[in-house]
Amino acid sequence: MSDMPPKLAEIVAEFASAPRDVVLEMLLEFSDAMPPLPAELKTHEGMEQVPECQTQFFLRAEVQADDTVQTWFDCPPEAPTTRAFAGILAEGLDGARAAEILAVPDDLYSRMGLAAAITPLRIRGGTAILGRLKRQIRDQHSPGQQGRDQEDAPA
């Protein structure tokens, strides 16, 4: 799991090794632990909506001057599975550099073993969340880095 930030790799390993009934409990914990939006983003100004999600989902990624990425996610509590995926990304990518996030495998759901626990529509939404997050990072990444990012980008 060296192809992802250490915090995220740890979360993925925990999910992959957990029994199905425990996976659902873990998802609920991440759903409950998702950080709230700061007041200036409550209107979703400057955030991107992810229409592939069955519920309203908004995200924003901002590459900082030190090349770390700050992320914000908003998803209603009535969508605990999607909210849980956002919580996993928020915790797992906290403090990660742009290149580390761009290297996260697109099949993250499969690696976590979630395909057996949640519906294909939820998997599609989660995959779209990760894809849009990575696109936002690529769009902001410094021009000198773009050559390396293209090598890391999925084909």
C-alpha atoms as a PDB file:
ATOM      1  CA  MET A   1       0.000   0.000   0.000  1.00  0.00           C
ATOM      2  CA  SER A   2       2.990   2.235  -0.568  1.00  0.00           C
ATOM      3  CA  ASP A   3       1.062   3.931  -3.386  1.00  0.00           C
ATOM      4  CA  MET A   4      -0.912   6.077  -0.958  1.00  0.00           C
ATOM      5  CA  PRO A   5      -0.302   8.378   2.018  1.00  0.00           C
ATOM      6  CA  PRO A   6       0.528   6.422   5.215  1.00  0.00           C
ATOM      7  CA  LYS A   7      -2.636   7.457   7.100  1.00  0.00           C
ATOM      8  CA  LEU A   8      -4.832   6.381   4.200  1.00  0.00           C
ATOM      9  CA  ALA A   9      -2.904   3.110   3.761  1.00  0.00           C
ATOM     10  CA  GLU A  10      -3.542   2.312   7.429  1.00  0.00           C
ATOM     11  CA  ILE A  11      -7.279   2.964   7.069  1.00  0.00           C
ATOM     12  CA  VAL A  12      -7.447   0.876   3.882  1.00  0.00           C
ATOM     13  CA  ALA A  13      -5.658  -2.024   5.590  1.00  0.00           C
ATOM     14  CA  GLU A  14      -8.049  -1.864   8.566  1.00  0.00           C
ATOM     15  CA  PHE A  15     -11.078  -2.027   6.289  1.00  0.00           C
ATOM     16  CA  ALA A  16      -9.611  -4.760   4.077  1.00  0.00           C
ATOM     17  CA  SER A  17      -8.997  -7.038   7.065  1.00  0.00           C
ATOM     18  CA  ALA A  18     -12.271  -6.375   8.914  1.00  0.00           C
ATOM     19  CA  PRO A  19     -15.298  -8.716   8.830  1.00  0.00           C
ATOM     20  CA  ARG A  20     -18.294  -7.351   6.869  1.00  0.00           C
ATOM     21  CA  ASP A  21     -20.386  -6.543   9.967  1.00  0.00           C
ATOM     22  CA  VAL A  22     -17.492  -4.590  11.464  1.00  0.00           C
ATOM     23  CA  VAL A  23     -16.957  -2.728   8.168  1.00  0.00           C
ATOM     24  CA  LEU A  24     -20.447  -1.244   8.424  1.00  0.00           C
ATOM     25  CA  GLU A  25     -19.740  -0.060  11.987  1.00  0.00           C
ATOM     26  CA  MET A  26     -16.431   1.435  10.857  1.00  0.00           C
ATOM     27  CA  LEU A  27     -18.194   3.308   8.063  1.00  0.00           C
ATOM     28  CA  LEU A  28     -20.630   4.810  10.549  1.00  0.00           C
ATOM     29  CA  GLU A  29     -17.745   5.935  12.753  1.00  0.00           C
ATOM     30  CA  PHE A  30     -16.087   7.735   9.830  1.00  0.00           C
ATOM     31  CA  SER A  31     -19.440   9.250   8.863  1.00  0.00           C
ATOM     32  CA  ASP A  32     -19.862  10.669  12.372  1.00  0.00           C
ATOM     33  CA  ALA A  33     -16.272  11.931  12.485  1.00  0.00           C
ATOM     34  CA  MET A  34     -16.350  13.915   9.258  1.00  0.00           C
ATOM     35  CA  PRO A  35     -15.123  17.441  10.003  1.00  0.00           C
ATOM     36  CA  PRO A  36     -17.680  20.245   9.629  1.00  0.00           C
ATOM     37  CA  LEU A  37     -17.303  22.850   6.923  1.00  0.00           C
ATOM     38  CA  PRO A  38     -15.856  26.203   7.931  1.00  0.00           C
ATOM     39  CA  ALA A  39     -18.426  29.003   7.961  1.00  0.00           C
ATOM     40  CA  GLU A  40     -17.114  30.553   4.724  1.00  0.00           C
ATOM     41  CA  LEU A  41     -17.900  27.353   2.785  1.00  0.00           C
ATOM     42  CA  LYS A  42     -21.389  26.709   4.199  1.00  0.00           C
ATOM     43  CA  THR A  43     -22.974  28.095   1.014  1.00  0.00           C
ATOM     44  CA  HIS A  44     -20.703  25.800  -1.075  1.00  0.00           C
ATOM     45  CA  GLU A  45     -19.163  28.850  -2.748  1.00  0.00           C
ATOM     46  CA  GLY A  46     -15.964  27.678  -4.459  1.00  0.00           C
ATOM     47  CA  MET A  47     -16.837  24.012  -3.977  1.00  0.00           C
ATOM     48  CA  GLU A  48     -17.557  21.485  -6.700  1.00  0.00           C
ATOM     49  CA  GLN A  49     -20.680  19.359  -6.657  1.00  0.00           C
ATOM     50  CA  VAL A  50     -20.256  15.660  -7.461  1.00  0.00           C
ATOM     51  CA  PRO A  51     -23.363  14.779  -9.496  1.00  0.00           C
ATOM     52  CA  GLU A  52     -22.492  11.065  -9.593  1.00  0.00           C
ATOM     53  CA  CYS A  53     -23.402  10.853  -5.905  1.00  0.00           C
ATOM     54  CA  GLN A  54     -27.031  10.019  -5.148  1.00  0.00           C
ATOM     55  CA  THR A  55     -27.135  12.776  -2.564  1.00  0.00           C
ATOM     56  CA  GLN A  56     -25.807  16.329  -2.701  1.00  0.00           C
ATOM     57  CA  PHE A  57     -22.054  16.133  -2.225  1.00  0.00           C
ATOM     58  CA  PHE A  58     -19.589  19.010  -2.469  1.00  0.00           C
ATOM     59  CA  LEU A  59     -15.814  19.060  -2.280  1.00  0.00           C
ATOM     60  CA  ARG A  60     -12.876  21.383  -2.540  1.00  0.00           C
ATOM     61  CA  ALA A  61      -9.155  20.702  -2.632  1.00  0.00           C
ATOM     62  CA  GLU A  62      -6.584  23.430  -2.197  1.00  0.00           C
ATOM     63  CA  VAL A  63      -2.866  22.907  -2.783  1.00  0.00           C
ATOM     64  CA  GLN A  64      -0.972  24.931  -0.183  1.00  0.00           C
ATOM     65  CA  ALA A  65       2.380  26.711  -0.702  1.00  0.00           C
ATOM     66  CA  ASP A  66       4.217  23.782   0.945  1.00  0.00           C
ATOM     67  CA  ASP A  67       2.555  21.360  -1.556  1.00  0.00           C
ATOM     68  CA  THR A  68       0.293  19.806   1.063  1.00  0.00           C
ATOM     69  CA  VAL A  69      -3.384  19.639   0.202  1.00  0.00           C
ATOM     70  CA  GLN A  70      -6.255  20.861   2.301  1.00  0.00           C
ATOM     71  CA  THR A  71      -9.620  19.258   1.598  1.00  0.00           C
ATOM     72  CA  TRP A  72     -13.197  20.085   2.481  1.00  0.00           C
ATOM     73  CA  PHE A  73     -16.209  17.842   1.995  1.00  0.00           C
ATOM     74  CA  ASP A  74     -19.904  18.371   2.580  1.00  0.00           C
ATOM     75  CA  CYS A  75     -22.486  15.626   2.570  1.00  0.00           C
ATOM     76  CA  PRO A  76     -25.691  15.424   4.626  1.00  0.00           C
ATOM     77  CA  PRO A  77     -25.881  13.063   7.605  1.00  0.00           C
ATOM     78  CA  GLU A  78     -28.753  11.266   5.821  1.00  0.00           C
ATOM     79  CA  ALA A  79     -26.141   9.754   3.460  1.00  0.00           C
ATOM     80  CA  PRO A  80     -23.887   7.907   5.917  1.00  0.00           C
ATOM     81  CA  THR A  81     -22.038   5.737   3.386  1.00  0.00           C
ATOM     82  CA  THR A  82     -21.028   8.638   1.154  1.00  0.00           C
ATOM     83  CA  ARG A  83     -20.305  10.764   4.203  1.00  0.00           C
ATOM     84  CA  ALA A  84     -18.125   7.942   5.561  1.00  0.00           C
ATOM     85  CA  PHE A  85     -16.048   7.876   2.376  1.00  0.00           C
ATOM     86  CA  ALA A  86     -15.531  11.635   2.741  1.00  0.00           C
ATOM     87  CA  GLY A  87     -14.504  11.100   6.366  1.00  0.00           C
ATOM     88  CA  ILE A  88     -12.017   8.429   5.284  1.00  0.00           C
ATOM     89  CA  LEU A  89     -10.517  10.777   2.695  1.00  0.00           C
ATOM     90  CA  ALA A  90     -10.458  13.706   5.143  1.00  0.00           C
ATOM     91  CA  GLU A  91      -8.561  11.686   7.746  1.00  0.00           C
ATOM     92  CA  GLY A  92      -6.444   9.617   5.390  1.00  0.00           C
ATOM     93  CA  LEU A  93      -5.284  12.523   3.237  1.00  0.00           C
ATOM     94  CA  ASP A  94      -4.745  15.020   6.066  1.00  0.00           C
ATOM     95  CA  GLY A  95      -1.288  16.529   5.638  1.00  0.00           C
ATOM     96  CA  ALA A  96      -0.577  14.637   2.401  1.00  0.00           C
ATOM     97  CA  ARG A  97       1.314  16.213  -0.470  1.00  0.00           C
ATOM     98  CA  ALA A  98      -0.269  16.723  -3.886  1.00  0.00           C
ATOM     99  CA  ALA A  99       1.784  13.975  -5.573  1.00  0.00           C
ATOM    100  CA  GLU A 100       0.840  11.492  -2.832  1.00  0.00           C
ATOM    101  CA  ILE A 101      -2.860  12.133  -3.379  1.00  0.00           C
ATOM    102  CA  LEU A 102      -2.511  11.978  -7.153  1.00  0.00           C
ATOM    103  CA  ALA A 103      -0.920   8.529  -6.713  1.00  0.00           C
ATOM    104  CA  VAL A 104      -3.871   7.144  -4.712  1.00  0.00           C
ATOM    105  CA  PRO A 105      -5.251   4.230  -6.721  1.00  0.00           C
ATOM    106  CA  ASP A 106      -8.593   4.807  -8.385  1.00  0.00           C
ATOM    107  CA  ASP A 107      -9.806   1.410  -7.150  1.00  0.00           C
ATOM    108  CA  LEU A 108      -9.613   2.523  -3.519  1.00  0.00           C
ATOM    109  CA  TYR A 109     -13.066   1.081  -2.777  1.00  0.00           C
ATOM    110  CA  SER A 110     -11.980  -2.365  -3.988  1.00  0.00           C
ATOM    111  CA  ARG A 111      -8.760  -2.261  -2.004  1.00  0.00           C
ATOM    112  CA  MET A 112     -10.789  -1.499   1.115  1.00  0.00           C
ATOM    113  CA  GLY A 113     -13.052  -4.464   0.476  1.00  0.00           C
ATOM    114  CA  LEU A 114     -16.104  -2.231   0.306  1.00  0.00           C
ATOM    115  CA  ALA A 115     -17.496  -3.662  -2.922  1.00  0.00           C
ATOM    116  CA  ALA A 116     -18.995  -6.529  -0.914  1.00  0.00           C
ATOM    117  CA  ALA A 117     -20.509  -4.223   1.699  1.00  0.00           C
ATOM    118  CA  ILE A 118     -22.074  -1.376  -0.290  1.00  0.00           C
ATOM    119  CA  THR A 119     -24.024  -0.889  -3.505  1.00  0.00           C
ATOM    120  CA  PRO A 120     -22.435  -0.287  -6.926  1.00  0.00           C
ATOM    121  CA  LEU A 121     -24.067   3.175  -7.029  1.00  0.00           C
ATOM    122  CA  ARG A 122     -22.241   4.151  -3.836  1.00  0.00           C
ATOM    123  CA  ILE A 123     -18.992   2.805  -5.274  1.00  0.00           C
ATOM    124  CA  ARG A 124     -19.536   4.885  -8.410  1.00  0.00           C
ATOM    125  CA  GLY A 125     -20.109   7.989  -6.287  1.00  0.00           C
ATOM    126  CA  GLY A 126     -17.015   7.355  -4.169  1.00  0.00           C
ATOM    127  CA  THR A 127     -14.900   6.800  -7.259  1.00  0.00           C
ATOM    128  CA  ALA A 128     -16.202  10.091  -8.690  1.00  0.00           C
ATOM    129  CA  ILE A 129     -15.343  11.906  -5.438  1.00  0.00           C
ATOM    130  CA  LEU A 130     -11.750  10.695  -5.594  1.00  0.00           C
ATOM    131  CA  GLY A 131     -11.515  11.490  -9.316  1.00  0.00           C
ATOM    132  CA  ARG A 132     -12.761  15.050  -8.913  1.00  0.00           C
ATOM    133  CA  LEU A 133     -10.502  15.611  -5.913  1.00  0.00           C
ATOM    134  CA  LYS A 134      -7.479  14.485  -7.922  1.00  0.00           C
ATOM    135  CA  ARG A 135      -8.506  16.644 -10.911  1.00  0.00           C
ATOM    136  CA  GLN A 136      -8.754  19.726  -8.697  1.00  0.00           C
ATOM    137  CA  ILE A 137      -5.273  19.019  -7.356  1.00  0.00           C
ATOM    138  CA  ARG A 138      -3.835  18.475 -10.862  1.00  0.00           C
ATOM    139  CA  ASP A 139      -5.415  21.762 -11.985  1.00  0.00           C
ATOM    140  CA  GLN A 140      -3.670  23.662  -9.169  1.00  0.00           C
ATOM    141  CA  HIS A 141      -0.356  21.872  -9.059  1.00  0.00           C
ATOM    142  CA  SER A 142       2.700  23.903 -10.001  1.00  0.00           C
ATOM    143  CA  PRO A 143       3.748  23.799 -13.689  1.00  0.00           C
ATOM    144  CA  GLY A 144       7.165  22.324 -12.804  1.00  0.00           C
ATOM    145  CA  GLN A 145       5.422  19.338 -11.220  1.00  0.00           C
ATOM    146  CA  GLN A 146       3.006  18.593 -14.053  1.00  0.00           C
ATOM    147  CA  GLY A 147       5.397  16.348 -15.981  1.00  0.00           C
ATOM    148  CA  ARG A 148       5.794  14.063 -12.969  1.00  0.00           C
ATOM    149  CA  ASP A 149       2.062  14.163 -12.269  1.00  0.00           C
ATOM    150  CA  GLN A 150       1.281  12.973 -15.778  1.00  0.00           C
ATOM    151  CA  GLU A 151       3.402   9.877 -15.110  1.00  0.00           C
ATOM    152  CA  ASP A 152       1.420   9.253 -11.908  1.00  0.00           C
ATOM    153  CA  ALA A 153      -1.956   9.894 -13.484  1.00  0.00           C
ATOM    154  CA  PRO A 154      -4.073   6.888 -14.392  1.00  0.00           C
ATOM    155  CA  ALA A 155      -4.328   6.162 -18.073  1.00  0.00           C
END
